Amino acid sequence: MIAPFNNIEVTKEIVEENEQDLSAIIVEPVQRSIPPKNNFLKDLRKLTADKDIMLWSYKMMGLVIPYIGVLIAFVSETFE
């Protein structure tokens, strides 16, 4: 699932529609050159805290996501 950066209303809709399937949200806090607006990160943190969903801050660094994905899959299978 992909939610638009800086749009907490759409992000909230996506989270509420899929909260049973979500364990974490990964966000790049500064989208290359687009700064967060209107308390987006603060509201996103509140939303994830209220729904008991982990919020991961991510900075674009090439091939990091595939390794994180493997880690998440390993941890999920290990502790279920």
C-alpha atoms as a PDB file:
ATOM      1  CA  MET A   1       0.000   0.000   0.000  1.00  0.00           C
ATOM      2  CA  ILE A   2       1.211   3.480  -0.790  1.00  0.00           C
ATOM      3  CA  ALA A   3      -0.216   6.637   0.748  1.00  0.00           C
ATOM      4  CA  PRO A   4       0.486  10.160  -0.473  1.00  0.00           C
ATOM      5  CA  PHE A   5       3.058  12.081   1.556  1.00  0.00           C
ATOM      6  CA  ASN A   6       1.643  15.124   3.397  1.00  0.00           C
ATOM      7  CA  ASN A   7      -1.966  13.929   3.107  1.00  0.00           C
ATOM      8  CA  ILE A   8      -2.991  12.608   6.515  1.00  0.00           C
ATOM      9  CA  GLU A   9      -6.662  12.251   5.553  1.00  0.00           C
ATOM     10  CA  VAL A  10      -5.982   9.776   2.733  1.00  0.00           C
ATOM     11  CA  THR A  11      -3.325   8.025   4.819  1.00  0.00           C
ATOM     12  CA  LYS A  12      -5.805   7.643   7.684  1.00  0.00           C
ATOM     13  CA  GLU A  13      -8.409   6.136   5.318  1.00  0.00           C
ATOM     14  CA  ILE A  14      -5.883   3.616   4.006  1.00  0.00           C
ATOM     15  CA  VAL A  15      -4.781   2.683   7.529  1.00  0.00           C
ATOM     16  CA  GLU A  16      -8.350   2.268   8.782  1.00  0.00           C
ATOM     17  CA  GLU A  17      -9.339   0.129   5.787  1.00  0.00           C
ATOM     18  CA  ASN A  18      -6.302  -2.136   6.242  1.00  0.00           C
ATOM     19  CA  GLU A  19      -5.382  -1.933   9.927  1.00  0.00           C
ATOM     20  CA  GLN A  20      -5.861  -5.677  10.484  1.00  0.00           C
ATOM     21  CA  ASP A  21      -3.121  -6.329   7.919  1.00  0.00           C
ATOM     22  CA  LEU A  22      -0.692  -3.566   8.966  1.00  0.00           C
ATOM     23  CA  SER A  23       2.110  -4.023  11.451  1.00  0.00           C
ATOM     24  CA  ALA A  24       4.289  -1.088  10.367  1.00  0.00           C
ATOM     25  CA  ILE A  25       4.346   2.032   8.233  1.00  0.00           C
ATOM     26  CA  ILE A  26       7.592   3.107   6.623  1.00  0.00           C
ATOM     27  CA  VAL A  27       7.919   6.808   5.875  1.00  0.00           C
ATOM     28  CA  GLU A  28      10.689   8.902   4.407  1.00  0.00           C
ATOM     29  CA  PRO A  29      10.423  11.996   6.654  1.00  0.00           C
ATOM     30  CA  VAL A  30      11.756  14.373   4.004  1.00  0.00           C
ATOM     31  CA  GLN A  31      10.717  13.257   0.532  1.00  0.00           C
ATOM     32  CA  ARG A  32      13.953  14.200  -1.218  1.00  0.00           C
ATOM     33  CA  SER A  33      13.192  17.922  -1.317  1.00  0.00           C
ATOM     34  CA  ILE A  34       9.570  17.947  -0.101  1.00  0.00           C
ATOM     35  CA  PRO A  35       9.343  18.912   3.581  1.00  0.00           C
ATOM     36  CA  PRO A  36       6.485  17.621   5.744  1.00  0.00           C
ATOM     37  CA  LYS A  37       3.605  20.095   6.044  1.00  0.00           C
ATOM     38  CA  ASN A  38       0.645  20.721   8.325  1.00  0.00           C
ATOM     39  CA  ASN A  39       1.947  18.505  11.155  1.00  0.00           C
ATOM     40  CA  PHE A  40       1.883  15.469   8.848  1.00  0.00           C
ATOM     41  CA  LEU A  41       4.571  13.539  10.740  1.00  0.00           C
ATOM     42  CA  LYS A  42       3.096  14.410  14.134  1.00  0.00           C
ATOM     43  CA  ASP A  43      -0.370  13.312  12.982  1.00  0.00           C
ATOM     44  CA  LEU A  44       1.060  10.150  11.422  1.00  0.00           C
ATOM     45  CA  ARG A  45       2.793   9.309  14.699  1.00  0.00           C
ATOM     46  CA  LYS A  46      -0.448   9.810  16.615  1.00  0.00           C
ATOM     47  CA  LEU A  47      -2.366   7.656  14.118  1.00  0.00           C
ATOM     48  CA  THR A  48       0.129   4.807  14.359  1.00  0.00           C
ATOM     49  CA  ALA A  49       0.279   5.031  18.153  1.00  0.00           C
ATOM     50  CA  ASP A  50      -3.527   4.957  18.407  1.00  0.00           C
ATOM     51  CA  LYS A  51      -3.701   1.885  16.138  1.00  0.00           C
ATOM     52  CA  ASP A  52      -0.682   0.152  17.736  1.00  0.00           C
ATOM     53  CA  ILE A  53       1.202   0.186  14.414  1.00  0.00           C
ATOM     54  CA  MET A  54       4.981   0.601  14.277  1.00  0.00           C
ATOM     55  CA  LEU A  55       6.242   3.734  12.489  1.00  0.00           C
ATOM     56  CA  TRP A  56       9.618   3.419  10.774  1.00  0.00           C
ATOM     57  CA  SER A  57      11.536   6.441   9.567  1.00  0.00           C
ATOM     58  CA  TYR A  58      13.400   5.699   6.371  1.00  0.00           C
ATOM     59  CA  LYS A  59      15.892   7.717   4.356  1.00  0.00           C
ATOM     60  CA  MET A  60      16.380   6.788   0.701  1.00  0.00           C
ATOM     61  CA  MET A  61      19.563   4.686   0.583  1.00  0.00           C
ATOM     62  CA  GLY A  62      19.388   2.385  -2.393  1.00  0.00           C
ATOM     63  CA  LEU A  63      19.000  -1.300  -1.530  1.00  0.00           C
ATOM     64  CA  VAL A  64      18.077  -1.012   2.145  1.00  0.00           C
ATOM     65  CA  ILE A  65      14.383  -1.931   1.826  1.00  0.00           C
ATOM     66  CA  PRO A  66      14.977  -5.476   0.482  1.00  0.00           C
ATOM     67  CA  TYR A  67      17.144  -6.259   3.527  1.00  0.00           C
ATOM     68  CA  ILE A  68      14.598  -4.727   5.912  1.00  0.00           C
ATOM     69  CA  GLY A  69      11.885  -6.771   4.214  1.00  0.00           C
ATOM     70  CA  VAL A  70      13.863  -9.945   4.849  1.00  0.00           C
ATOM     71  CA  LEU A  71      14.325  -8.944   8.494  1.00  0.00           C
ATOM     72  CA  ILE A  72      10.601  -8.257   8.916  1.00  0.00           C
ATOM     73  CA  ALA A  73       9.728 -11.600   7.339  1.00  0.00           C
ATOM     74  CA  PHE A  74      12.212 -13.400   9.598  1.00  0.00           C
ATOM     75  CA  VAL A  75      11.030 -11.701  12.764  1.00  0.00           C
ATOM     76  CA  SER A  76       7.360 -12.245  11.893  1.00  0.00           C
ATOM     77  CA  GLU A  77       7.837 -15.960  11.311  1.00  0.00           C
ATOM     78  CA  THR A  78      10.088 -16.389  14.332  1.00  0.00           C
ATOM     79  CA  PHE A  79       7.771 -14.806  16.878  1.00  0.00           C
ATOM     80  CA  GLU A  80       4.316 -15.848  15.695  1.00  0.00           C
END
